[in-house]
Protein backbone atom coordinates (compact mmCIF):
# COMPACT_ATOMS: atom_id res chain seq x y z
CA MET A 1 113.43 7.35 150.90
CA VAL A 2 110.56 7.40 148.34
CA ILE A 3 109.05 10.45 150.07
CA ILE A 4 112.53 12.41 149.71
CA THR A 5 112.73 11.38 145.99
CA LEU A 6 109.13 12.67 145.37
CA THR A 7 109.84 15.93 147.12
CA VAL A 8 113.05 16.44 144.96
CA LEU A 9 111.14 15.71 141.78
CA PHE A 10 108.24 18.14 142.71
CA ALA A 11 110.78 20.77 143.61
CA LEU A 12 112.49 20.52 140.23
CA GLY A 13 109.09 20.58 138.42
CA LEU A 14 108.19 23.80 140.28
CA SER A 15 111.49 25.28 139.38
CA GLY A 16 111.11 24.39 135.71
CA MET A 17 107.62 25.89 135.59
CA ALA A 18 108.96 29.11 137.17
CA MET A 19 111.61 29.32 134.61
CA ASN A 20 109.16 28.90 131.80
CA THR A 21 107.02 31.45 133.24
CA SER A 22 109.79 33.93 133.58
CA LEU A 23 110.87 33.31 129.95
CA GLN A 24 107.40 33.80 128.76
CA ILE A 25 106.97 37.00 130.75
CA ASN A 26 110.26 38.21 129.43
CA LYS A 27 109.13 37.50 125.95
CA THR A 28 105.88 39.21 126.32
CA GLU A 29 107.62 42.29 127.64
CA LYS A 30 109.89 42.35 124.62
CA ILE A 31 106.93 41.89 122.25
CA ASN A 32 105.09 44.82 123.97
CA LYS A 33 108.28 46.88 123.81
CA ALA A 34 108.75 46.10 120.14
CA THR A 35 105.09 47.20 119.55
CA ASP A 36 105.78 50.46 121.49
CA LEU A 37 108.87 51.05 119.26
CA ALA A 38 107.03 50.47 116.07
CA GLU A 39 104.42 53.01 117.13
CA MET A 40 107.14 55.52 117.93
CA GLY A 41 108.25 54.85 114.35
CA ILE A 42 104.83 55.73 113.03
CA THR A 43 104.85 58.96 114.94
CA TYR A 44 108.40 59.94 114.00
CA TYR A 45 108.03 59.00 110.17
CA LYS A 46 104.47 60.71 110.01
CA GLN A 47 106.10 64.02 111.31
CA LYS A 48 108.67 63.79 108.44
CA VAL A 49 105.87 63.15 105.89
CA ASP A 50 103.74 65.91 107.34
CA SER A 51 106.64 68.41 107.26
CA ILE A 52 107.27 67.68 103.58
CA MET A 53 103.61 68.20 102.79
CA VAL A 54 103.38 71.43 104.71
CA ASN A 55 106.51 72.89 103.31
CA ALA A 56 105.60 72.15 99.80
CA PHE A 57 102.44 74.19 100.05
CA SER A 58 103.61 76.88 102.46
CA GLY A 59 104.18 80.36 100.89
CA LYS A 60 103.08 79.12 97.43
CA ILE A 61 100.13 80.20 95.45
CA ILE A 62 99.25 77.22 93.10
CA THR A 63 96.47 78.00 90.66
CA ASN A 64 96.73 75.52 87.73
CA GLN A 65 97.15 71.85 87.27
CA SER A 66 100.57 72.13 85.82
CA GLU A 67 101.95 73.94 88.89
CA LEU A 68 100.17 71.41 91.09
CA LYS A 69 101.72 68.46 89.31
CA THR A 70 105.00 69.96 89.70
CA VAL A 71 104.67 70.43 93.35
CA MET A 72 103.17 66.87 93.93
CA THR A 73 106.15 65.32 92.08
CA GLN A 74 108.65 67.13 94.19
CA ILE A 75 106.70 65.95 97.31
CA LYS A 76 106.96 62.29 96.09
CA ASN A 77 110.67 62.58 95.38
CA ASP A 78 111.34 64.21 98.85
CA MET A 79 109.47 61.51 100.65
CA ASN A 80 111.13 58.66 98.69
CA LYS A 81 114.40 59.98 100.22
CA ILE A 82 113.19 59.21 103.85
CA PRO A 83 114.00 55.39 103.91
CA THR A 84 117.50 56.28 102.47
CA ASP A 85 118.25 59.23 104.71
CA GLN A 86 116.84 57.77 107.93
CA PRO A 87 116.08 54.05 107.49
CA LYS A 88 116.47 53.11 111.16
CA ILE A 89 116.47 55.05 114.33
CA ASN A 90 118.41 53.43 117.22
CA VAL A 91 116.71 54.14 120.58
CA SER A 92 119.13 52.30 122.77
CA GLY A 93 121.91 50.38 120.92
CA ASN A 94 121.29 48.38 117.72
CA GLU A 95 118.93 46.01 119.50
CA ILE A 96 116.32 48.63 120.54
CA SER A 97 115.16 50.44 117.52
CA TYR A 98 112.45 51.26 114.97
CA ALA A 99 112.76 51.40 111.16
CA ILE A 100 110.76 52.22 108.10
CA LYS A 101 110.04 49.99 105.13
CA ASP A 102 107.87 49.67 101.94
CA LEU A 103 107.22 53.52 101.60
CA ALA A 104 104.94 54.18 98.65
CA VAL A 105 103.76 57.55 97.51
CA ASP A 106 100.68 57.71 95.12
CA ILE A 107 100.15 61.01 93.31
CA SER A 108 98.00 59.69 90.41
CA ASN A 109 94.93 61.49 91.76
CA PRO A 110 95.43 65.35 91.35
CA ALA A 111 92.90 65.72 94.34
CA SER A 112 94.93 63.69 96.88
CA ILE A 113 98.44 62.23 97.91
CA LEU A 114 98.31 58.71 99.36
CA VAL A 115 101.20 57.58 101.57
CA ASN A 116 101.76 54.14 102.79
CA PHE A 117 104.59 52.79 104.82
CA LYS A 118 105.35 50.17 107.51
CA THR A 119 107.49 50.53 110.67
CA VAL A 120 109.25 47.73 112.34
CA GLY A 121 110.01 47.92 116.12
CA THR A 122 112.77 45.82 117.50
CA SER A 123 113.46 44.81 121.03
CA ASP A 124 116.39 42.35 121.24
CA THR A 125 115.16 39.35 119.28
CA GLU A 126 111.58 40.39 119.01
CA ASN A 127 110.09 42.41 116.09
CA ARG A 128 106.67 43.97 115.60
CA GLU A 129 105.38 45.54 112.39
CA ILE A 130 102.65 48.12 111.93
CA SER A 131 101.17 49.40 108.65
CA TYR A 132 100.28 53.06 108.27
CA LYS A 133 98.26 54.90 105.56
CA ILE A 134 97.57 58.53 105.30
CA ASN A 135 95.65 60.30 102.55
CA TYR A 136 96.15 64.09 102.07
CA THR A 137 93.25 65.88 100.26
CA ILE A 138 93.96 68.67 98.00
CA ASN A 139 91.02 71.08 97.34
CA GLN A 140 90.48 74.30 95.55
CA GLY A 141 90.34 77.16 97.96
CA LYS A 142 88.66 80.59 98.02
CA PRO A 143 89.41 82.78 95.05
CA LEU A 144 92.29 85.27 95.29
CA PRO A 145 92.30 88.97 94.12
CA VAL A 146 93.10 89.71 90.53
CA TYR A 147 95.12 92.90 90.24
CA ASN A 148 96.20 94.25 86.86
CA ILE A 149 97.70 97.64 87.80
CA THR A 150 101.39 97.09 88.05
CA ASP A 151 104.05 98.96 89.92
CA PRO A 152 105.55 101.65 87.66
CA GLY A 153 108.86 101.12 89.18
CA THR A 154 111.39 103.86 90.14
CA PHE A 155 111.96 107.08 88.26
CA SER A 156 114.16 110.10 89.09
CA SER A 157 111.51 112.88 89.02
CA SER A 158 110.91 114.37 92.52
CA SER A 159 107.85 115.89 93.82
CA ASP A 160 109.35 119.33 93.45
CA GLU A 161 110.20 118.88 89.78
CA CYS A 162 106.62 117.72 88.93
CA TYR A 163 104.55 120.52 90.56
CA LYS A 164 105.37 123.85 88.84
CA THR A 165 101.95 125.46 88.06
CA ASN A 166 98.45 124.58 88.98
CA LYS A 167 98.58 121.05 87.75
CA ILE A 168 100.65 118.09 87.09
CA ASP A 169 100.54 117.17 83.46
CA TYR A 170 102.55 114.49 81.45
CA GLN A 171 104.86 113.81 84.35
CA LYS A 172 106.23 110.90 86.29
CA CYS A 173 106.29 111.95 89.85
CA PHE A 174 107.72 110.24 92.89
CA TYR A 175 106.73 111.24 96.41
CA SER A 176 108.45 109.86 99.56
CA PRO A 177 106.41 108.69 102.48
CA ARG A 178 104.51 111.33 104.39
CA GLN A 179 104.71 113.71 101.57
CA THR A 180 101.33 115.20 100.45
CA VAL A 181 100.33 115.10 96.90
CA PRO A 182 99.20 118.73 96.06
CA ASP A 183 95.55 119.47 95.50
CA VAL A 184 95.95 120.28 91.77
CA LYS A 185 94.75 118.87 88.53
CA ILE A 186 96.62 115.71 87.42
CA GLU A 187 96.50 114.76 83.84
CA ASN A 188 98.24 112.13 81.72
CA SER A 189 100.72 111.45 84.55
CA ILE A 190 102.14 108.60 86.52
CA ILE A 191 102.50 109.13 90.34
CA LYS A 192 104.22 106.86 92.73
CA VAL A 193 104.31 107.19 96.65
CA GLY A 194 106.90 105.07 98.21
CA GLY A 195 105.06 104.27 101.32
CA ASN A 196 101.91 105.69 103.08
CA GLY A 197 100.28 108.54 101.17
CA ASP A 198 98.12 111.52 101.93
CA LEU A 199 96.18 112.82 99.00
CA GLY A 200 93.77 115.10 100.89
CA HIS A 201 91.20 116.50 98.60
CA PHE A 202 91.73 114.42 95.55
CA ASN A 203 90.04 116.26 92.63
CA ASN A 204 90.09 116.60 88.89
CA VAL A 205 92.20 113.60 87.80
CA THR A 206 92.21 112.53 84.20
CA SER A 207 93.89 109.68 82.31
CA SER A 208 96.54 109.04 85.00
CA GLN A 209 98.03 106.21 87.13
CA ILE A 210 98.80 106.40 90.74
CA TYR A 211 100.53 103.57 92.73
CA ILE A 212 100.82 103.78 96.49
CA SER A 213 103.24 101.37 98.27
CA GLY A 214 101.40 101.59 101.64
CA ASP A 215 98.19 103.05 103.09
CA ILE A 216 96.40 105.98 101.42
CA LEU A 217 94.49 108.77 103.31
CA PHE A 218 91.70 110.58 101.47
CA SER A 219 89.38 113.27 102.40
CA LYS A 220 87.21 113.77 99.39
CA VAL A 221 87.55 112.38 95.87
CA ASN A 222 85.74 114.31 93.00
CA ASN A 223 85.73 114.62 89.29
CA ILE A 224 87.67 111.54 88.33
CA THR A 225 88.12 110.29 84.68
CA ASN A 226 90.06 107.30 83.49
CA LEU A 227 92.07 106.72 86.71
CA ARG A 228 94.07 103.71 87.58
CA LEU A 229 94.87 103.54 91.29
CA HIS A 230 96.51 100.80 93.05
CA VAL A 231 97.02 100.83 96.92
CA GLU A 232 99.19 98.09 98.55
CA GLY A 233 97.69 98.87 101.99
CA ASP A 234 94.46 100.30 103.29
CA LEU A 235 92.19 102.97 101.95
CA LEU A 236 91.64 105.34 104.88
CA LYS A 237 89.04 108.09 105.67
CA GLY A 238 90.45 111.40 107.05
CA SER A 239 88.53 113.62 109.63
CA GLU A 240 85.94 114.46 106.97
CA LEU A 241 83.39 112.12 105.17
CA LEU A 242 85.14 110.28 102.26
CA ASP A 243 82.79 110.64 99.33
CA PHE A 244 83.50 109.25 95.95
CA THR A 245 81.67 111.63 93.52
CA ASN A 246 81.50 112.31 89.85
CA PHE A 247 83.44 109.39 88.32
CA LYS A 248 83.33 108.64 84.60
CA GLY A 249 85.31 106.92 81.93
CA ASN A 250 87.27 103.83 82.55
CA THR A 251 88.30 104.04 86.28
CA ARG A 252 89.83 101.07 88.27
CA LEU A 253 90.64 101.29 91.78
CA GLU A 254 92.58 98.39 93.39
CA ILE A 255 92.88 98.34 97.17
CA GLN A 256 94.82 95.24 98.50
CA GLY A 257 93.98 95.90 102.08
CA ASN A 258 90.75 97.28 103.80
CA ALA A 259 88.72 100.21 102.38
CA SER A 260 86.59 102.61 104.40
CA ILE A 261 84.32 104.92 102.25
CA SER A 262 81.35 107.22 103.37
CA LYS A 263 79.51 107.38 100.05
CA LEU A 264 79.58 106.37 96.37
CA ASN A 265 77.60 108.96 94.30
CA ASN A 266 77.26 109.75 90.71
CA ILE A 267 79.56 107.02 89.54
CA ARG A 268 79.14 106.52 85.84
CA GLU A 269 80.24 104.40 82.90
CA ASN A 270 83.07 101.78 83.45
CA PHE A 271 83.86 102.06 87.21
CA GLU A 272 85.57 99.24 89.01
CA LEU A 273 86.52 99.09 92.66
CA LEU A 274 88.40 95.91 93.76
CA ILE A 275 89.12 95.40 97.48
CA GLY A 276 91.44 92.56 98.56
CA LYS A 277 90.12 92.52 102.23
CA ASN A 278 87.10 94.14 103.85
CA LEU A 279 84.81 96.96 102.79
CA THR A 280 83.11 99.41 105.05
CA LEU A 281 80.55 101.59 103.14
CA ASP A 282 78.07 103.93 104.59
CA GLU A 283 75.95 104.51 101.47
CA LEU A 284 75.66 103.36 97.87
CA SER A 285 73.44 105.89 96.11
CA SER A 286 71.06 105.18 93.19
CA ASN A 287 73.09 107.08 90.46
CA THR A 288 75.82 104.56 90.31
CA ASN A 289 77.18 102.25 87.68
CA GLY A 290 80.01 99.68 87.53
CA ASN A 291 81.35 96.80 89.58
CA ILE A 292 82.54 96.40 93.27
CA ILE A 293 84.50 93.26 93.95
CA VAL A 294 85.15 92.60 97.68
CA TYR A 295 87.30 89.49 98.49
CA GLY A 296 86.70 89.84 102.26
CA ASP A 297 83.66 90.92 104.26
CA ALA A 298 81.44 93.85 103.21
CA SER A 299 79.52 96.10 105.72
CA ILE A 300 77.19 98.35 103.98
CA LYS A 301 74.73 100.49 105.86
CA ALA A 302 72.51 101.98 102.98
CA LEU A 303 71.86 100.44 99.57
CA SER A 304 69.64 101.98 96.90
CA ASN A 305 67.30 99.55 95.21
CA ASN A 306 67.82 101.37 91.87
CA SER A 307 71.66 101.34 91.65
CA ASN A 308 73.17 99.83 88.43
CA MET A 309 76.24 98.80 90.44
CA ASN A 310 77.24 95.14 90.55
CA VAL A 311 78.53 94.12 94.01
CA CYS A 312 80.34 90.72 94.37
CA ILE A 313 81.30 89.70 97.93
CA PHE A 314 83.53 86.61 98.57
CA GLY A 315 83.30 87.01 102.38
CA LYS A 316 80.33 87.84 104.62
CA TYR A 317 77.69 90.38 103.80
CA ASN A 318 76.36 92.68 106.48
CA GLY A 319 73.79 95.15 105.45
CA PRO A 320 70.11 95.84 104.56
CA ASP A 321 68.06 92.55 104.61
CA PRO A 322 66.73 91.57 102.08
CA LYS A 323 69.62 92.77 100.10
CA PRO A 324 69.00 94.02 96.56
CA SER A 325 69.48 91.47 93.64
CA TYR A 326 72.53 93.24 92.44
CA VAL A 327 74.50 92.29 95.60
CA ARG A 328 75.75 88.74 95.24
CA VAL A 329 77.56 86.59 97.78
CA TYR A 330 80.12 83.85 97.16
CA GLY A 331 78.48 80.50 97.79
CA GLU A 332 75.05 81.58 96.66
CA THR A 333 73.42 79.77 93.77
CA GLY A 334 74.40 81.53 90.48
CA PHE A 335 77.46 83.37 91.80
CA GLU A 336 79.89 81.47 89.58
CA SER A 337 77.69 81.70 86.51
CA ASP A 338 77.03 85.35 87.00
CA PRO A 339 78.48 87.34 84.08
CA VAL A 340 80.21 89.87 86.48
CA CYS A 341 81.10 87.75 89.61
CA GLY A 342 81.68 84.62 87.79
CA PRO A 343 84.96 85.49 86.00
CA TYR A 344 86.38 86.67 89.49
CA ALA A 345 85.38 83.45 91.16
CA THR A 346 87.23 81.23 88.58
CA ALA A 347 90.11 83.47 87.61
CA ARG A 348 92.54 82.77 90.49
CA VAL A 349 91.65 80.06 92.55
CA PRO A 350 94.42 78.37 94.55
CA PHE A 351 94.91 74.69 95.41
CA VAL A 352 95.19 74.28 99.15
CA LEU A 353 96.04 71.35 101.53
CA GLU A 354 93.31 70.27 103.90
CA SER A 355 94.39 70.27 107.50
CA ASP A 356 92.79 66.85 108.55
CA PRO A 357 94.14 63.97 106.44
CA GLU A 358 92.54 60.65 106.72
CA GLU A 359 94.67 58.15 108.65
CA ASN A 360 94.76 54.21 109.08
CA VAL A 361 96.96 52.14 111.29
CA SER A 362 96.93 48.19 111.33
CA TYR A 363 98.89 45.85 113.39
CA LYS A 364 100.35 42.69 112.00
């Protein structure tokens, strides 16, 4: 009888231990699941935060502190809406979920945006909390081109009305794409090509403005005085060598794209060539004066050591080594303090969002 009683008590004890073990395992599983849910919350809400950051800077050129402050304030306002718009995400009913809490956005430092929040994972009766911090760095990027020749707009004069004798003088002329501007003298006129332009032998231009909405094809360019040329696309060479010869007065050429030139020769007085992308130049001769500003890479085959040209390159330099002292490359000592290159290095510098923010996760 005693043996039977002991056996029953022992069996009941084992049953109780098994039940406690089962409950403990179940509790552990719920805690682990709650932790997984909290981690899912970190991933989900971080994507929301990242999206707001990227969208705020995408497609914008922010070049001063006032503009940056406006953008940062909007970022903070948008992020502060997250806990209201999506405070809780149900994964499977109300008892399996994750939620955000204690979101804080710090924009007091103009060089960074610091975001803190917590997520709570819930699995039935078990909750797990994770704290997350991400610090977005905002730096100044590479200087952007500075153009000052504006689009003259539209005007009614056609190419036929402009060209009557052996020159275009005191006219406003519009050429449609693929029309060739005639090889005549151009004086005191405004010419616009609404697309890609072909100017062939471009000679004897004085005190005029030319605006090209696409690419421009040149063969030779001679005898230019006080020209203002803006090209939205590339400067292309034709089948012949493209030489720039006999420039004088205040001449400014702005090429937003790439430029390919055979030779710069006899460039005098106040000449300025500004290239938004890359320059390919075969030869820069000794009798040249003025400034060349290249915002991309510059590949130059031959450079005269006696040139009075100033060359400022914001990308990579590929040319004679050692390079002449008048060729300066962005990042070198003295570039920003140089009287010619410096103003371009500081005139239009955008604020950019760095791609690798600093993150920290801590479990409670």
